[in-house]
Full PDB file with SEQRES, HELIX, SHEET, SSBOND, CRYST1, ORIGX, SCALE, CONECT and MASTER records, all heavy atoms in Angstrom:
SEQRES   1 A   34  PHE ILE ALA GLU VAL PHE TRP ARG ILE TYR PHE LYS GLY          
SEQRES   2 A   34  TYR LEU GLU GLN ARG PRO ALA ILE TRP ALA ASP TYR VAL          
SEQRES   3 A   34  THR ALA ARG ASP GLY ALA LEU ALA                              
HELIX    1 AA1 ILE A    2  GLU A   16  1                                  15    
HELIX    2 AA2 ALA A   20  LEU A   33  1                                  14    
CRYST1    1.000    1.000    1.000  90.00  90.00  90.00 P 1           1          
ORIGX1      1.000000  0.000000  0.000000        0.00000                         
ORIGX2      0.000000  1.000000  0.000000        0.00000                         
ORIGX3      0.000000  0.000000  1.000000        0.00000                         
SCALE1      1.000000  0.000000  0.000000        0.00000                         
SCALE2      0.000000  1.000000  0.000000        0.00000                         
SCALE3      0.000000  0.000000  1.000000        0.00000                         
ATOM      1  N   PHE A   1     -52.334 -24.050 -47.374  1.00  0.00           N  
ATOM      2  CA  PHE A   1     -51.735 -23.277 -48.442  1.00  0.00           C  
ATOM      3  C   PHE A   1     -52.555 -21.994 -48.679  1.00  0.00           C  
ATOM      4  O   PHE A   1     -51.970 -20.912 -48.865  1.00  0.00           O  
ATOM      5  CB  PHE A   1     -51.679 -24.088 -49.755  1.00  0.00           C  
ATOM      6  CG  PHE A   1     -51.074 -23.260 -50.891  1.00  0.00           C  
ATOM      7  CD1 PHE A   1     -49.708 -23.061 -50.957  1.00  0.00           C  
ATOM      8  CD2 PHE A   1     -51.890 -22.662 -51.849  1.00  0.00           C  
ATOM      9  CE1 PHE A   1     -49.148 -22.288 -51.991  1.00  0.00           C  
ATOM     10  CE2 PHE A   1     -51.347 -21.905 -52.874  1.00  0.00           C  
ATOM     11  CZ  PHE A   1     -49.950 -21.726 -52.944  1.00  0.00           C  
ATOM     12  N   ILE A   2     -53.855 -22.084 -48.671  1.00  0.00           N  
ATOM     13  CA  ILE A   2     -54.686 -20.903 -48.799  1.00  0.00           C  
ATOM     14  C   ILE A   2     -54.340 -19.895 -47.723  1.00  0.00           C  
ATOM     15  O   ILE A   2     -54.262 -18.698 -47.977  1.00  0.00           O  
ATOM     16  CB  ILE A   2     -56.183 -21.301 -48.772  1.00  0.00           C  
ATOM     17  CG1 ILE A   2     -56.548 -22.122 -49.998  1.00  0.00           C  
ATOM     18  CG2 ILE A   2     -57.061 -20.064 -48.674  1.00  0.00           C  
ATOM     19  CD1 ILE A   2     -57.899 -22.776 -49.898  1.00  0.00           C  
ATOM     20  N   ALA A   3     -54.157 -20.350 -46.485  1.00  0.00           N  
ATOM     21  CA  ALA A   3     -53.825 -19.455 -45.426  1.00  0.00           C  
ATOM     22  C   ALA A   3     -52.477 -18.738 -45.642  1.00  0.00           C  
ATOM     23  O   ALA A   3     -52.357 -17.536 -45.368  1.00  0.00           O  
ATOM     24  CB  ALA A   3     -53.736 -20.214 -44.093  1.00  0.00           C  
ATOM     25  N   GLU A   4     -51.499 -19.450 -46.249  1.00  0.00           N  
ATOM     26  CA  GLU A   4     -50.214 -18.851 -46.538  1.00  0.00           C  
ATOM     27  C   GLU A   4     -50.386 -17.706 -47.551  1.00  0.00           C  
ATOM     28  O   GLU A   4     -49.744 -16.676 -47.460  1.00  0.00           O  
ATOM     29  CB  GLU A   4     -49.253 -19.862 -47.051  1.00  0.00           C  
ATOM     30  CG  GLU A   4     -48.700 -20.751 -45.960  1.00  0.00           C  
ATOM     31  CD  GLU A   4     -47.988 -19.998 -44.867  1.00  0.00           C  
ATOM     32  OE1 GLU A   4     -47.151 -19.139 -45.150  1.00  0.00           O  
ATOM     33  OE2 GLU A   4     -48.352 -20.212 -43.648  1.00  0.00           O  
ATOM     34  N   VAL A   5     -51.221 -17.920 -48.556  1.00  0.00           N  
ATOM     35  CA  VAL A   5     -51.475 -16.860 -49.555  1.00  0.00           C  
ATOM     36  C   VAL A   5     -52.108 -15.619 -48.853  1.00  0.00           C  
ATOM     37  O   VAL A   5     -51.761 -14.488 -49.085  1.00  0.00           O  
ATOM     38  CB  VAL A   5     -52.379 -17.350 -50.697  1.00  0.00           C  
ATOM     39  CG1 VAL A   5     -52.783 -16.230 -51.645  1.00  0.00           C  
ATOM     40  CG2 VAL A   5     -51.701 -18.477 -51.450  1.00  0.00           C  
ATOM     41  N   PHE A   6     -53.042 -15.891 -47.938  1.00  0.00           N  
ATOM     42  CA  PHE A   6     -53.697 -14.815 -47.210  1.00  0.00           C  
ATOM     43  C   PHE A   6     -52.767 -14.116 -46.226  1.00  0.00           C  
ATOM     44  O   PHE A   6     -52.972 -12.990 -45.861  1.00  0.00           O  
ATOM     45  CB  PHE A   6     -54.952 -15.304 -46.553  1.00  0.00           C  
ATOM     46  CG  PHE A   6     -56.151 -15.212 -47.388  1.00  0.00           C  
ATOM     47  CD1 PHE A   6     -56.571 -16.283 -48.240  1.00  0.00           C  
ATOM     48  CD2 PHE A   6     -56.937 -14.039 -47.420  1.00  0.00           C  
ATOM     49  CE1 PHE A   6     -57.650 -16.159 -49.020  1.00  0.00           C  
ATOM     50  CE2 PHE A   6     -58.064 -13.944 -48.220  1.00  0.00           C  
ATOM     51  CZ  PHE A   6     -58.444 -15.000 -49.038  1.00  0.00           C  
ATOM     52  N   TRP A   7     -51.725 -14.799 -45.741  1.00  0.00           N  
ATOM     53  CA  TRP A   7     -50.751 -14.149 -44.857  1.00  0.00           C  
ATOM     54  C   TRP A   7     -50.116 -12.973 -45.591  1.00  0.00           C  
ATOM     55  O   TRP A   7     -49.919 -11.917 -45.009  1.00  0.00           O  
ATOM     56  CB  TRP A   7     -49.707 -15.108 -44.387  1.00  0.00           C  
ATOM     57  CG  TRP A   7     -49.967 -15.749 -43.054  1.00  0.00           C  
ATOM     58  CD1 TRP A   7     -50.434 -17.007 -42.819  1.00  0.00           C  
ATOM     59  CD2 TRP A   7     -49.756 -15.152 -41.746  1.00  0.00           C  
ATOM     60  NE1 TRP A   7     -50.539 -17.208 -41.430  1.00  0.00           N  
ATOM     61  CE2 TRP A   7     -50.153 -16.085 -40.786  1.00  0.00           C  
ATOM     62  CE3 TRP A   7     -49.279 -13.897 -41.355  1.00  0.00           C  
ATOM     63  CZ2 TRP A   7     -50.037 -15.823 -39.419  1.00  0.00           C  
ATOM     64  CZ3 TRP A   7     -49.213 -13.638 -39.970  1.00  0.00           C  
ATOM     65  CH2 TRP A   7     -49.573 -14.581 -39.019  1.00  0.00           C  
ATOM     66  N   ARG A   8     -49.767 -13.165 -46.849  1.00  0.00           N  
ATOM     67  CA  ARG A   8     -49.158 -12.084 -47.598  1.00  0.00           C  
ATOM     68  C   ARG A   8     -50.107 -10.921 -47.774  1.00  0.00           C  
ATOM     69  O   ARG A   8     -49.709  -9.777 -47.662  1.00  0.00           O  
ATOM     70  CB  ARG A   8     -48.727 -12.592 -49.031  1.00  0.00           C  
ATOM     71  CG  ARG A   8     -47.626 -13.613 -49.009  1.00  0.00           C  
ATOM     72  CD  ARG A   8     -47.261 -14.061 -50.428  1.00  0.00           C  
ATOM     73  NE  ARG A   8     -46.747 -12.921 -51.204  1.00  0.00           N  
ATOM     74  CZ  ARG A   8     -45.489 -12.535 -51.217  1.00  0.00           C  
ATOM     75  NH1 ARG A   8     -44.579 -13.110 -50.452  1.00  0.00           N  
ATOM     76  NH2 ARG A   8     -45.088 -11.505 -51.927  1.00  0.00           N  
ATOM     77  N   ILE A   9     -51.387 -11.240 -48.023  1.00  0.00           N  
ATOM     78  CA  ILE A   9     -52.381 -10.170 -48.170  1.00  0.00           C  
ATOM     79  C   ILE A   9     -52.616  -9.513 -46.830  1.00  0.00           C  
ATOM     80  O   ILE A   9     -52.770  -8.268 -46.774  1.00  0.00           O  
ATOM     81  CB  ILE A   9     -53.692 -10.758 -48.747  1.00  0.00           C  
ATOM     82  CG1 ILE A   9     -53.411 -11.477 -50.066  1.00  0.00           C  
ATOM     83  CG2 ILE A   9     -54.706  -9.643 -48.983  1.00  0.00           C  
ATOM     84  CD1 ILE A   9     -54.634 -12.300 -50.558  1.00  0.00           C  
ATOM     85  N   TYR A  10     -52.651 -10.274 -45.764  1.00  0.00           N  
ATOM     86  CA  TYR A  10     -52.859  -9.721 -44.419  1.00  0.00           C  
ATOM     87  C   TYR A  10     -51.716  -8.719 -44.053  1.00  0.00           C  
ATOM     88  O   TYR A  10     -51.994  -7.618 -43.590  1.00  0.00           O  
ATOM     89  CB  TYR A  10     -52.837 -10.884 -43.404  1.00  0.00           C  
ATOM     90  CG  TYR A  10     -52.485 -10.445 -41.995  1.00  0.00           C  
ATOM     91  CD1 TYR A  10     -53.404  -9.754 -41.177  1.00  0.00           C  
ATOM     92  CD2 TYR A  10     -51.236 -10.748 -41.460  1.00  0.00           C  
ATOM     93  CE1 TYR A  10     -53.074  -9.368 -39.903  1.00  0.00           C  
ATOM     94  CE2 TYR A  10     -50.915 -10.386 -40.172  1.00  0.00           C  
ATOM     95  CZ  TYR A  10     -51.809  -9.687 -39.406  1.00  0.00           C  
ATOM     96  OH  TYR A  10     -51.454  -9.298 -38.127  1.00  0.00           O  
ATOM     97  N   PHE A  11     -50.482  -9.134 -44.332  1.00  0.00           N  
ATOM     98  CA  PHE A  11     -49.375  -8.214 -44.011  1.00  0.00           C  
ATOM     99  C   PHE A  11     -49.490  -6.888 -44.772  1.00  0.00           C  
ATOM    100  O   PHE A  11     -49.231  -5.805 -44.247  1.00  0.00           O  
ATOM    101  CB  PHE A  11     -48.010  -8.926 -44.328  1.00  0.00           C  
ATOM    102  CG  PHE A  11     -47.548  -9.841 -43.243  1.00  0.00           C  
ATOM    103  CD1 PHE A  11     -46.909 -11.042 -43.610  1.00  0.00           C  
ATOM    104  CD2 PHE A  11     -47.668  -9.530 -41.943  1.00  0.00           C  
ATOM    105  CE1 PHE A  11     -46.465 -11.887 -42.615  1.00  0.00           C  
ATOM    106  CE2 PHE A  11     -47.207 -10.368 -40.916  1.00  0.00           C  
ATOM    107  CZ  PHE A  11     -46.590 -11.539 -41.248  1.00  0.00           C  
ATOM    108  N   LYS A  12     -49.896  -6.962 -46.056  1.00  0.00           N  
ATOM    109  CA  LYS A  12     -50.092  -5.759 -46.852  1.00  0.00           C  
ATOM    110  C   LYS A  12     -51.165  -4.868 -46.182  1.00  0.00           C  
ATOM    111  O   LYS A  12     -50.936  -3.648 -46.015  1.00  0.00           O  
ATOM    112  CB  LYS A  12     -50.537  -6.122 -48.266  1.00  0.00           C  
ATOM    113  CG  LYS A  12     -49.480  -6.732 -49.168  1.00  0.00           C  
ATOM    114  CD  LYS A  12     -48.599  -5.662 -49.739  1.00  0.00           C  
ATOM    115  CE  LYS A  12     -47.800  -6.238 -50.887  1.00  0.00           C  
ATOM    116  NZ  LYS A  12     -46.738  -5.298 -51.333  1.00  0.00           N  
ATOM    117  N   GLY A  13     -52.285  -5.486 -45.829  1.00  0.00           N  
ATOM    118  CA  GLY A  13     -53.357  -4.677 -45.239  1.00  0.00           C  
ATOM    119  C   GLY A  13     -52.965  -4.128 -43.873  1.00  0.00           C  
ATOM    120  O   GLY A  13     -53.349  -3.001 -43.550  1.00  0.00           O  
ATOM    121  N   TYR A  14     -52.207  -4.868 -43.086  1.00  0.00           N  
ATOM    122  CA  TYR A  14     -51.821  -4.407 -41.762  1.00  0.00           C  
ATOM    123  C   TYR A  14     -50.893  -3.198 -41.887  1.00  0.00           C  
ATOM    124  O   TYR A  14     -51.082  -2.204 -41.217  1.00  0.00           O  
ATOM    125  CB  TYR A  14     -51.083  -5.529 -41.010  1.00  0.00           C  
ATOM    126  CG  TYR A  14     -50.808  -5.220 -39.590  1.00  0.00           C  
ATOM    127  CD1 TYR A  14     -51.640  -5.661 -38.564  1.00  0.00           C  
ATOM    128  CD2 TYR A  14     -49.632  -4.510 -39.197  1.00  0.00           C  
ATOM    129  CE1 TYR A  14     -51.381  -5.411 -37.219  1.00  0.00           C  
ATOM    130  CE2 TYR A  14     -49.364  -4.239 -37.898  1.00  0.00           C  
ATOM    131  CZ  TYR A  14     -50.219  -4.703 -36.918  1.00  0.00           C  
ATOM    132  OH  TYR A  14     -49.935  -4.404 -35.610  1.00  0.00           O  
ATOM    133  N   LEU A  15     -49.913  -3.299 -42.796  1.00  0.00           N  
ATOM    134  CA  LEU A  15     -48.953  -2.180 -42.958  1.00  0.00           C  
ATOM    135  C   LEU A  15     -49.639  -0.980 -43.594  1.00  0.00           C  
ATOM    136  O   LEU A  15     -49.332   0.149 -43.309  1.00  0.00           O  
ATOM    137  CB  LEU A  15     -47.782  -2.619 -43.803  1.00  0.00           C  
ATOM    138  CG  LEU A  15     -46.579  -1.676 -43.795  1.00  0.00           C  
ATOM    139  CD1 LEU A  15     -46.016  -1.474 -42.407  1.00  0.00           C  
ATOM    140  CD2 LEU A  15     -45.482  -2.125 -44.751  1.00  0.00           C  
ATOM    141  N   GLU A  16     -50.629  -1.226 -44.467  1.00  0.00           N  
ATOM    142  CA  GLU A  16     -51.336  -0.131 -45.102  1.00  0.00           C  
ATOM    143  C   GLU A  16     -52.085   0.705 -44.057  1.00  0.00           C  
ATOM    144  O   GLU A  16     -52.289   1.882 -44.248  1.00  0.00           O  
ATOM    145  CB  GLU A  16     -52.301  -0.697 -46.155  1.00  0.00           C  
ATOM    146  CG  GLU A  16     -52.682   0.295 -47.249  1.00  0.00           C  
ATOM    147  CD  GLU A  16     -51.472   0.812 -48.046  1.00  0.00           C  
ATOM    148  OE1 GLU A  16     -50.469   0.059 -48.142  1.00  0.00           O  
ATOM    149  OE2 GLU A  16     -51.556   1.923 -48.529  1.00  0.00           O  
ATOM    150  N   GLN A  17     -52.534   0.043 -42.977  1.00  0.00           N  
ATOM    151  CA  GLN A  17     -53.225   0.752 -41.914  1.00  0.00           C  
ATOM    152  C   GLN A  17     -52.288   1.344 -40.892  1.00  0.00           C  
ATOM    153  O   GLN A  17     -52.712   2.136 -40.031  1.00  0.00           O  
ATOM    154  CB  GLN A  17     -54.219  -0.183 -41.243  1.00  0.00           C  
ATOM    155  CG  GLN A  17     -55.289  -0.682 -42.162  1.00  0.00           C  
ATOM    156  CD  GLN A  17     -56.282  -1.643 -41.473  1.00  0.00           C  
ATOM    157  OE1 GLN A  17     -57.126  -1.230 -40.657  1.00  0.00           O  
ATOM    158  NE2 GLN A  17     -56.154  -2.931 -41.782  1.00  0.00           N  
ATOM    159  N   ARG A  18     -50.996   1.017 -41.011  1.00  0.00           N  
ATOM    160  CA  ARG A  18     -49.968   1.516 -40.095  1.00  0.00           C  
ATOM    161  C   ARG A  18     -48.733   1.885 -40.840  1.00  0.00           C  
ATOM    162  O   ARG A  18     -47.641   1.324 -40.577  1.00  0.00           O  
ATOM    163  CB  ARG A  18     -49.665   0.487 -38.990  1.00  0.00           C  
ATOM    164  CG  ARG A  18     -50.880   0.111 -38.116  1.00  0.00           C  
ATOM    165  CD  ARG A  18     -50.601  -1.118 -37.342  1.00  0.00           C  
ATOM    166  NE  ARG A  18     -51.720  -1.482 -36.500  1.00  0.00           N  
ATOM    167  CZ  ARG A  18     -52.752  -2.201 -36.911  1.00  0.00           C  
ATOM    168  NH1 ARG A  18     -52.844  -2.585 -38.149  1.00  0.00           N  
ATOM    169  NH2 ARG A  18     -53.779  -2.513 -36.055  1.00  0.00           N  
ATOM    170  N   PRO A  19     -48.782   2.781 -41.795  1.00  0.00           N  
ATOM    171  CA  PRO A  19     -47.613   3.105 -42.625  1.00  0.00           C  
ATOM    172  C   PRO A  19     -46.430   3.654 -41.830  1.00  0.00           C  
ATOM    173  O   PRO A  19     -45.288   3.618 -42.303  1.00  0.00           O  
ATOM    174  CB  PRO A  19     -48.131   4.118 -43.619  1.00  0.00           C  
ATOM    175  CG  PRO A  19     -49.350   4.739 -42.947  1.00  0.00           C  
ATOM    176  CD  PRO A  19     -49.933   3.600 -42.159  1.00  0.00           C  
ATOM    177  N   ALA A  20     -46.681   4.178 -40.621  1.00  0.00           N  
ATOM    178  CA  ALA A  20     -45.560   4.682 -39.804  1.00  0.00           C  
ATOM    179  C   ALA A  20     -44.563   3.603 -39.405  1.00  0.00           C  
ATOM    180  O   ALA A  20     -43.435   3.878 -39.151  1.00  0.00           O  
ATOM    181  CB  ALA A  20     -46.136   5.380 -38.574  1.00  0.00           C  
ATOM    182  N   ILE A  21     -45.024   2.333 -39.416  1.00  0.00           N  
ATOM    183  CA  ILE A  21     -44.142   1.225 -39.129  1.00  0.00           C  
ATOM    184  C   ILE A  21     -43.017   1.179 -40.153  1.00  0.00           C  
ATOM    185  O   ILE A  21     -41.829   1.018 -39.831  1.00  0.00           O  
ATOM    186  CB  ILE A  21     -44.889  -0.123 -39.073  1.00  0.00           C  
ATOM    187  CG1 ILE A  21     -45.768  -0.205 -37.829  1.00  0.00           C  
ATOM    188  CG2 ILE A  21     -43.907  -1.281 -39.072  1.00  0.00           C  
ATOM    189  CD1 ILE A  21     -46.610  -1.474 -37.752  1.00  0.00           C  
ATOM    190  N   TRP A  22     -43.436   1.363 -41.398  1.00  0.00           N  
ATOM    191  CA  TRP A  22     -42.427   1.346 -42.475  1.00  0.00           C  
ATOM    192  C   TRP A  22     -41.537   2.556 -42.393  1.00  0.00           C  
ATOM    193  O   TRP A  22     -40.274   2.474 -42.528  1.00  0.00           O  
ATOM    194  CB  TRP A  22     -43.069   1.270 -43.839  1.00  0.00           C  
ATOM    195  CG  TRP A  22     -42.111   1.479 -44.980  1.00  0.00           C  
ATOM    196  CD1 TRP A  22     -41.911   2.597 -45.719  1.00  0.00           C  
ATOM    197  CD2 TRP A  22     -41.135   0.519 -45.428  1.00  0.00           C  
ATOM    198  NE1 TRP A  22     -40.925   2.417 -46.629  1.00  0.00           N  
ATOM    199  CE2 TRP A  22     -40.382   1.138 -46.475  1.00  0.00           C  
ATOM    200  CE3 TRP A  22     -40.807  -0.795 -45.120  1.00  0.00           C  
ATOM    201  CZ2 TRP A  22     -39.360   0.524 -47.186  1.00  0.00           C  
ATOM    202  CZ3 TRP A  22     -39.781  -1.419 -45.807  1.00  0.00           C  
ATOM    203  CH2 TRP A  22     -39.070  -0.792 -46.812  1.00  0.00           C  
ATOM    204  N   ALA A  23     -42.135   3.734 -42.183  1.00  0.00           N  
ATOM    205  CA  ALA A  23     -41.337   4.952 -42.106  1.00  0.00           C  
ATOM    206  C   ALA A  23     -40.304   4.900 -40.957  1.00  0.00           C  
ATOM    207  O   ALA A  23     -39.134   5.306 -41.080  1.00  0.00           O  
ATOM    208  CB  ALA A  23     -42.251   6.195 -41.932  1.00  0.00           C  
ATOM    209  N   ASP A  24     -40.744   4.373 -39.808  1.00  0.00           N  
ATOM    210  CA  ASP A  24     -39.834   4.266 -38.652  1.00  0.00           C  
ATOM    211  C   ASP A  24     -38.789   3.190 -38.906  1.00  0.00           C  
ATOM    212  O   ASP A  24     -37.595   3.329 -38.486  1.00  0.00           O  
ATOM    213  CB  ASP A  24     -40.605   3.922 -37.421  1.00  0.00           C  
ATOM    214  CG  ASP A  24     -41.399   5.106 -36.871  1.00  0.00           C  
ATOM    215  OD1 ASP A  24     -41.275   6.225 -37.436  1.00  0.00           O  
ATOM    216  OD2 ASP A  24     -42.129   4.929 -35.855  1.00  0.00           O  
ATOM    217  N   TYR A  25     -39.119   2.137 -39.609  1.00  0.00           N  
ATOM    218  CA  TYR A  25     -38.103   1.141 -39.995  1.00  0.00           C  
ATOM    219  C   TYR A  25     -37.020   1.757 -40.825  1.00  0.00           C  
ATOM    220  O   TYR A  25     -35.814   1.538 -40.597  1.00  0.00           O  
ATOM    221  CB  TYR A  25     -38.757  -0.027 -40.739  1.00  0.00           C  
ATOM    222  CG  TYR A  25     -37.815  -0.760 -41.649  1.00  0.00           C  
ATOM    223  CD1 TYR A  25     -36.854  -1.669 -41.066  1.00  0.00           C  
ATOM    224  CD2 TYR A  25     -37.760  -0.556 -43.002  1.00  0.00           C  
ATOM    225  CE1 TYR A  25     -35.912  -2.299 -41.882  1.00  0.00           C  
ATOM    226  CE2 TYR A  25     -36.839  -1.206 -43.787  1.00  0.00           C  
ATOM    227  CZ  TYR A  25     -35.918  -2.093 -43.235  1.00  0.00           C  
ATOM    228  OH  TYR A  25     -35.005  -2.704 -44.042  1.00  0.00           O  
ATOM    229  N   VAL A  26     -37.399   2.553 -41.829  1.00  0.00           N  
ATOM    230  CA  VAL A  26     -36.416   3.176 -42.718  1.00  0.00           C  
ATOM    231  C   VAL A  26     -35.490   4.106 -41.964  1.00  0.00           C  
ATOM    232  O   VAL A  26     -34.244   4.055 -42.113  1.00  0.00           O  
ATOM    233  CB  VAL A  26     -37.133   3.967 -43.842  1.00  0.00           C  
ATOM    234  CG1 VAL A  26     -36.154   4.794 -44.621  1.00  0.00           C  
ATOM    235  CG2 VAL A  26     -37.856   2.993 -44.783  1.00  0.00           C  
ATOM    236  N   THR A  27     -36.045   4.913 -41.068  1.00  0.00           N  
ATOM    237  CA  THR A  27     -35.235   5.813 -40.286  1.00  0.00           C  
ATOM    238  C   THR A  27     -34.269   5.065 -39.387  1.00  0.00           C  
ATOM    239  O   THR A  27     -33.070   5.353 -39.321  1.00  0.00           O  
ATOM    240  CB  THR A  27     -36.121   6.749 -39.438  1.00  0.00           C  
ATOM    241  OG1 THR A  27     -36.958   7.495 -40.270  1.00  0.00           O  
ATOM    242  CG2 THR A  27     -35.275   7.659 -38.569  1.00  0.00           C  
ATOM    243  N   ALA A  28     -34.783   4.033 -38.657  1.00  0.00           N  
ATOM    244  CA  ALA A  28     -33.942   3.272 -37.765  1.00  0.00           C  
ATOM    245  C   ALA A  28     -32.916   2.406 -38.544  1.00  0.00           C  
ATOM    246  O   ALA A  28     -31.802   2.216 -38.055  1.00  0.00           O  
ATOM    247  CB  ALA A  28     -34.811   2.360 -36.868  1.00  0.00           C  
ATOM    248  N   ARG A  29     -33.294   1.905 -39.682  1.00  0.00           N  
ATOM    249  CA  ARG A  29     -32.331   1.139 -40.506  1.00  0.00           C  
ATOM    250  C   ARG A  29     -31.166   1.986 -40.897  1.00  0.00           C  
ATOM    251  O   ARG A  29     -29.982   1.601 -40.814  1.00  0.00           O  
ATOM    252  CB  ARG A  29     -33.070   0.649 -41.788  1.00  0.00           C  
ATOM    253  CG  ARG A  29     -32.153  -0.026 -42.824  1.00  0.00           C  
ATOM    254  CD  ARG A  29     -32.753   0.072 -44.191  1.00  0.00           C  
ATOM    255  NE  ARG A  29     -32.842   1.464 -44.653  1.00  0.00           N  
ATOM    256  CZ  ARG A  29     -33.547   1.840 -45.720  1.00  0.00           C  
ATOM    257  NH1 ARG A  29     -34.288   0.938 -46.375  1.00  0.00           N  
ATOM    258  NH2 ARG A  29     -33.565   3.126 -46.083  1.00  0.00           N  
ATOM    259  N   ASP A  30     -31.431   3.233 -41.358  1.00  0.00           N  
ATOM    260  CA  ASP A  30     -30.360   4.116 -41.750  1.00  0.00           C  
ATOM    261  C   ASP A  30     -29.459   4.429 -40.580  1.00  0.00           C  
ATOM    262  O   ASP A  30     -28.227   4.532 -40.719  1.00  0.00           O  
ATOM    263  CB  ASP A  30     -30.932   5.410 -42.372  1.00  0.00           C  
ATOM    264  CG  ASP A  30     -31.659   5.178 -43.668  1.00  0.00           C  
ATOM    265  OD1 ASP A  30     -31.490   4.056 -44.252  1.00  0.00           O  
ATOM    266  OD2 ASP A  30     -32.355   6.064 -44.164  1.00  0.00           O  
ATOM    267  N   GLY A  31     -30.052   4.584 -39.419  1.00  0.00           N  
ATOM    268  CA  GLY A  31     -29.235   4.829 -38.201  1.00  0.00           C  
ATOM    269  C   GLY A  31     -28.389   3.593 -37.839  1.00  0.00           C  
ATOM    270  O   GLY A  31     -27.228   3.739 -37.441  1.00  0.00           O  
ATOM    271  N   ALA A  32     -28.948   2.428 -37.985  1.00  0.00           N  
ATOM    272  CA  ALA A  32     -28.192   1.176 -37.705  1.00  0.00           C  
ATOM    273  C   ALA A  32     -27.059   1.014 -38.681  1.00  0.00           C  
ATOM    274  O   ALA A  32     -25.996   0.544 -38.329  1.00  0.00           O  
ATOM    275  CB  ALA A  32     -29.161  -0.012 -37.710  1.00  0.00           C  
ATOM    276  N   LEU A  33     -27.305   1.318 -39.956  1.00  0.00           N  
ATOM    277  CA  LEU A  33     -26.234   1.199 -40.933  1.00  0.00           C  
ATOM    278  C   LEU A  33     -25.129   2.182 -40.647  1.00  0.00           C  
ATOM    279  O   LEU A  33     -23.923   1.878 -40.794  1.00  0.00           O  
ATOM    280  CB  LEU A  33     -26.780   1.455 -42.364  1.00  0.00           C  
ATOM    281  CG  LEU A  33     -27.696   0.321 -42.912  1.00  0.00           C  
ATOM    282  CD1 LEU A  33     -28.410   0.808 -44.184  1.00  0.00           C  
ATOM    283  CD2 LEU A  33     -26.875  -0.950 -43.159  1.00  0.00           C  
ATOM    284  N   ALA A  34     -25.469   3.409 -40.226  1.00  0.00           N  
ATOM    285  CA  ALA A  34     -24.472   4.409 -39.876  1.00  0.00           C  
ATOM    286  C   ALA A  34     -23.661   3.929 -38.654  1.00  0.00           C  
ATOM    287  O   ALA A  34     -22.467   4.180 -38.571  1.00  0.00           O  
ATOM    288  CB  ALA A  34     -25.141   5.746 -39.602  1.00  0.00           C  
TER     289      ALA A  34                                                      
MASTER        0    0    0    2    0    0    0    6  288    1    0    3          
END                                                                             
């Protein structure tokens, strides 16, 4: 259970160090919706 709590924190930290992943997701999502 402790590991599951840390998975959420890990994902936050990983994306915080690679914010372009989110930016590219948004762009590609909008293209996929179109």
